[in-house]
Protein backbone atom coordinates (compact mmCIF):
# COMPACT_ATOMS: atom_id res chain seq x y z
CA UNK A 1 6.75 -5.08 22.30
CA UNK A 2 5.34 -5.24 18.79
CA UNK A 3 5.48 -8.86 17.75
CA UNK A 4 3.94 -8.30 14.34
CA UNK A 5 6.26 -5.59 12.97
CA UNK A 6 8.87 -7.88 11.35
CA UNK A 7 6.20 -10.06 9.75
CA UNK A 8 4.29 -7.03 8.48
CA UNK A 9 7.43 -5.45 7.07
CA UNK A 10 8.36 -8.58 5.15
CA UNK A 11 4.76 -9.02 3.97
CA UNK A 12 4.54 -5.41 2.81
CA UNK A 13 7.79 -5.56 0.89
CA UNK A 14 6.93 -8.89 -0.71
CA UNK A 15 3.39 -7.92 -1.69
CA UNK A 16 4.35 -4.52 -3.07
CA UNK A 17 7.28 -5.75 -5.12
CA UNK A 18 5.38 -8.73 -6.55
CA UNK A 19 2.49 -6.37 -7.34
CA UNK A 20 4.96 -3.98 -8.97
CA UNK A 21 6.30 -6.72 -11.20
CA UNK A 22 2.87 -8.04 -12.21
CA UNK A 23 1.39 -4.57 -12.71
CA UNK A 24 4.28 -3.45 -14.93
CA UNK A 25 4.42 -6.71 -16.85
CA UNK A 26 0.75 -7.71 -17.20
CA UNK A 27 -1.06 -4.52 -16.07
CA UNK A 28 -2.84 -6.62 -13.49
CA UNK A 29 -2.44 -7.37 -9.77
CA UNK A 30 -3.51 -10.93 -8.90
CA UNK A 31 -6.26 -11.40 -6.34
CA UNK A 32 -4.33 -14.28 -4.75
CA UNK A 33 -1.54 -11.87 -3.87
CA UNK A 34 -3.92 -9.42 -2.23
CA UNK A 35 -5.79 -12.19 -0.44
CA UNK A 36 -2.59 -13.67 0.98
CA UNK A 37 -1.56 -10.26 2.35
CA UNK A 38 -5.00 -9.64 3.85
CA UNK A 39 -5.19 -13.07 5.49
CA UNK A 40 -1.66 -12.72 6.86
CA UNK A 41 -2.44 -9.29 8.29
CA UNK A 42 -5.76 -10.18 9.85
CA UNK A 43 -4.43 -13.39 11.43
CA UNK A 44 -1.38 -11.63 12.84
CA UNK A 45 -3.31 -8.78 14.35
CA UNK A 46 -6.11 -10.95 15.62
CA UNK A 47 -3.49 -13.05 17.44
CA UNK A 48 -1.90 -9.86 18.79
CA UNK A 49 -5.28 -8.63 19.99
CA UNK A 50 -6.15 -11.93 21.64
CA UNK A 51 -2.82 -12.75 23.28
CA UNK A 52 -1.55 -9.27 24.14
CA UNK A 53 -4.99 -7.70 24.70
CA UNK A 54 -4.11 -4.89 22.30
CA UNK A 55 -7.52 -4.25 20.74
CA UNK A 56 -6.85 -0.59 19.95
CA UNK A 57 -4.02 -1.51 17.59
CA UNK A 58 -6.32 -3.92 15.76
CA UNK A 59 -9.01 -1.26 15.44
CA UNK A 60 -6.52 1.34 14.23
CA UNK A 61 -5.26 -1.01 11.55
CA UNK A 62 -8.77 -1.74 10.33
CA UNK A 63 -9.52 2.00 10.31
CA UNK A 64 -6.38 2.68 8.25
CA UNK A 65 -7.43 0.00 5.77
CA UNK A 66 -10.90 1.51 5.51
CA UNK A 67 -9.55 5.02 5.05
CA UNK A 68 -7.16 3.79 2.36
CA UNK A 69 -10.08 2.16 0.60
CA UNK A 70 -12.10 5.35 0.74
CA UNK A 71 -9.24 7.53 -0.53
CA UNK A 72 -8.41 5.19 -3.38
CA UNK A 73 -12.07 4.48 -4.10
CA UNK A 74 -12.61 7.85 -5.77
CA UNK A 75 -10.04 7.30 -8.56
CA UNK A 76 -11.39 3.76 -8.93
CA UNK A 77 -14.93 5.03 -9.40
CA UNK A 78 -13.64 7.54 -11.93
CA UNK A 79 -12.03 4.66 -13.90
CA UNK A 80 -8.53 6.06 -13.23
CA UNK A 81 -7.32 3.20 -11.05
CA UNK A 82 -7.77 -0.55 -11.21
CA UNK A 83 -9.43 -2.71 -8.59
CA UNK A 84 -6.12 -4.43 -7.83
CA UNK A 85 -4.55 -1.09 -6.94
CA UNK A 86 -7.49 -0.32 -4.67
CA UNK A 87 -7.22 -3.66 -2.88
CA UNK A 88 -3.44 -3.23 -2.58
CA UNK A 89 -4.00 0.13 -0.88
CA UNK A 90 -6.44 -1.42 1.61
CA UNK A 91 -4.01 -4.21 2.51
CA UNK A 92 -1.24 -1.62 2.88
CA UNK A 93 -3.38 0.34 5.33
CA UNK A 94 -4.17 -2.78 7.34
CA UNK A 95 -0.53 -3.85 7.52
CA UNK A 96 0.85 -0.42 8.37
CA UNK A 97 -1.65 0.75 10.96
CA UNK A 98 -2.89 4.28 11.47
CA UNK A 99 0.32 6.07 12.54
CA UNK A 100 2.57 4.50 9.91
CA UNK A 101 -0.13 4.82 7.25
CA UNK A 102 -0.19 8.59 7.65
CA UNK A 103 3.59 8.63 7.13
CA UNK A 104 3.10 6.44 4.07
CA UNK A 105 0.54 8.93 2.70
CA UNK A 106 3.08 11.72 3.11
CA UNK A 107 5.63 9.83 0.98
CA UNK A 108 2.94 8.66 -1.43
CA UNK A 109 1.95 12.27 -2.07
CA UNK A 110 5.55 13.29 -2.70
CA UNK A 111 6.15 10.38 -5.06
CA UNK A 112 2.94 11.05 -6.98
CA UNK A 113 3.78 14.74 -7.23
CA UNK A 114 7.27 13.98 -8.49
CA UNK A 115 5.84 11.57 -11.07
CA UNK A 116 3.40 14.21 -12.31
CA UNK A 117 6.16 16.81 -12.58
CA UNK A 118 8.38 14.40 -14.50
CA UNK A 119 5.53 13.49 -16.85
CA UNK A 120 4.71 17.14 -17.49
CA UNK A 121 8.37 17.88 -18.20
CA UNK A 122 8.45 15.22 -20.92
CA UNK A 123 7.35 16.11 -24.43
CA UNK A 124 3.89 14.74 -25.16
CA UNK A 125 5.12 12.16 -27.63
CA UNK A 126 7.27 10.52 -24.91
CA UNK A 127 4.59 10.42 -22.19
CA UNK A 128 3.15 7.01 -21.41
CA UNK A 129 -0.59 6.56 -21.81
CA UNK A 130 -0.86 5.35 -18.22
CA UNK A 131 1.43 4.70 -15.28
CA UNK A 132 1.19 1.60 -13.05
CA UNK A 133 0.06 2.74 -9.61
CA UNK A 134 1.87 -0.22 -8.03
CA UNK A 135 5.13 1.47 -9.08
CA UNK A 136 4.29 4.59 -7.08
CA UNK A 137 3.01 2.52 -4.15
CA UNK A 138 6.17 0.39 -4.06
CA UNK A 139 8.46 3.43 -4.12
CA UNK A 140 6.39 5.03 -1.37
CA UNK A 141 6.38 1.95 0.84
CA UNK A 142 10.15 1.57 0.41
CA UNK A 143 10.69 5.19 1.44
CA UNK A 144 8.33 4.86 4.38
CA UNK A 145 9.87 1.66 5.70
CA UNK A 146 13.49 2.62 5.15
CA UNK A 147 13.40 6.24 6.31
CA UNK A 148 10.75 6.50 9.01
CA UNK A 149 9.80 3.16 10.45
CA UNK A 150 13.37 1.94 10.68
CA UNK A 151 13.65 -1.12 8.49
């Protein structure tokens, strides 16, 4: 029995939608939001590992967070993504775990591809200078949770 799934689902939805609002409104994702998600995730999975002796799940979640950080680190180093988006991706990986994170990447790729196609279809004078990444992450996490994980 996965005791942490409901808490992680609520945490993911809350963090992503608050980040979406702040990123669209202020073009910034607060560190307190990311820190609260990271602390919640690490405490929940540490308790699961200690009480249920499920250490592999804890390791897989940390690996997913590290892989998310590495994948999103390249656009960050190229100054194409903010640090808040990078930290949001790491927390998403930790909360989802390895198996669900790969599903999330599938939807994230489709959403990013659709956004690029829509932007290319627009005349250049109507294209925005930049697009908040939290918007694409929130749409992807909603698709992942509602269609695959069974919210």
